[in-house]
Amino acid sequence: MSLTLTAPTAEATLLAPREQEALRHIAAGHTYLQTARHMGLSRHTVDAYLRRIRAKLNINSTAEMTRMAIALGL
């Protein structure tokens, strides 16, 4: 049985586009600094995005964020 995402999930719609982008980078294994450089932001801004993601999705670890990014198709 395969899972295909045809519409954004409720979790995905909670995240702003830049939050989704930051999540995608972190899930790909990039550091906060690498993510910041790629997105043209400070490391502190990336940290703020990821804190908001954790709060919105009730996530406590990077591993959980990675699993969520995969589930959201990011």
Protein backbone atom coordinates (compact mmCIF):
# COMPACT_ATOMS: atom_id res chain seq x y z
CA MET A 1 0.00 0.00 0.00
CA SER A 2 1.50 3.36 -0.98
CA LEU A 3 0.68 6.73 0.39
CA THR A 4 0.28 9.66 -1.99
CA LEU A 5 -0.27 13.19 -0.83
CA THR A 6 -2.85 14.92 -2.97
CA ALA A 7 -3.72 17.82 -0.71
CA PRO A 8 -1.78 19.63 1.99
CA THR A 9 -2.22 18.11 5.40
CA ALA A 10 -3.48 20.15 8.33
CA GLU A 11 0.06 20.28 9.71
CA ALA A 12 1.46 21.65 6.46
CA THR A 13 -1.09 24.44 6.34
CA LEU A 14 -0.03 25.55 9.84
CA LEU A 15 3.49 26.31 8.62
CA ALA A 16 4.48 29.44 6.75
CA PRO A 17 6.42 28.87 3.50
CA ARG A 18 9.73 29.95 5.08
CA GLU A 19 9.10 27.63 8.03
CA GLN A 20 8.52 24.79 5.58
CA GLU A 21 11.76 25.68 3.79
CA ALA A 22 13.72 25.73 7.06
CA LEU A 23 12.19 22.39 8.06
CA ARG A 24 13.14 20.90 4.69
CA HIS A 25 16.79 21.96 5.17
CA ILE A 26 17.03 20.65 8.72
CA ALA A 27 15.40 17.36 7.69
CA ALA A 28 18.00 17.05 4.92
CA GLY A 29 20.69 17.11 7.60
CA HIS A 30 21.84 20.72 7.31
CA THR A 31 22.94 22.65 10.38
CA TYR A 32 21.21 25.84 11.48
CA LEU A 33 24.14 27.83 10.06
CA GLN A 34 24.03 26.02 6.70
CA THR A 35 20.27 26.53 6.54
CA ALA A 36 20.65 30.20 7.39
CA ARG A 37 23.27 30.76 4.70
CA HIS A 38 21.20 29.00 2.06
CA MET A 39 18.06 30.94 2.97
CA GLY A 40 19.90 34.26 3.34
CA LEU A 41 19.00 34.59 7.02
CA SER A 42 20.77 34.73 10.34
CA ARG A 43 21.17 31.56 12.38
CA HIS A 44 18.97 33.20 15.01
CA THR A 45 16.11 33.62 12.53
CA VAL A 46 16.35 29.96 11.55
CA ASP A 47 16.30 29.07 15.24
CA ALA A 48 13.14 31.18 15.67
CA TYR A 49 11.47 29.45 12.71
CA LEU A 50 12.28 26.03 14.12
CA ARG A 51 11.05 26.98 17.61
CA ARG A 52 7.76 28.08 16.03
CA ILE A 53 7.54 24.81 14.09
CA ARG A 54 8.09 22.82 17.29
CA ALA A 55 5.38 24.81 19.07
CA LYS A 56 2.86 24.61 16.21
CA LEU A 57 3.32 20.88 15.67
CA ASN A 58 4.02 19.91 19.29
CA ILE A 59 7.42 18.47 18.35
CA ASN A 60 10.33 18.15 20.78
CA SER A 61 13.28 16.83 18.78
CA THR A 62 15.06 17.15 15.47
CA ALA A 63 14.27 13.50 14.77
CA GLU A 64 10.55 14.24 15.14
CA MET A 65 10.93 17.27 12.86
CA THR A 66 12.62 15.07 10.25
CA ARG A 67 9.82 12.50 10.45
CA MET A 68 7.25 15.29 10.07
CA ALA A 69 9.07 16.75 7.07
CA ILE A 70 9.01 13.33 5.39
CA ALA A 71 5.33 12.86 6.21
CA LEU A 72 4.58 16.31 4.75
CA GLY A 73 6.53 15.53 1.59
CA LEU A 74 9.05 18.26 2.19
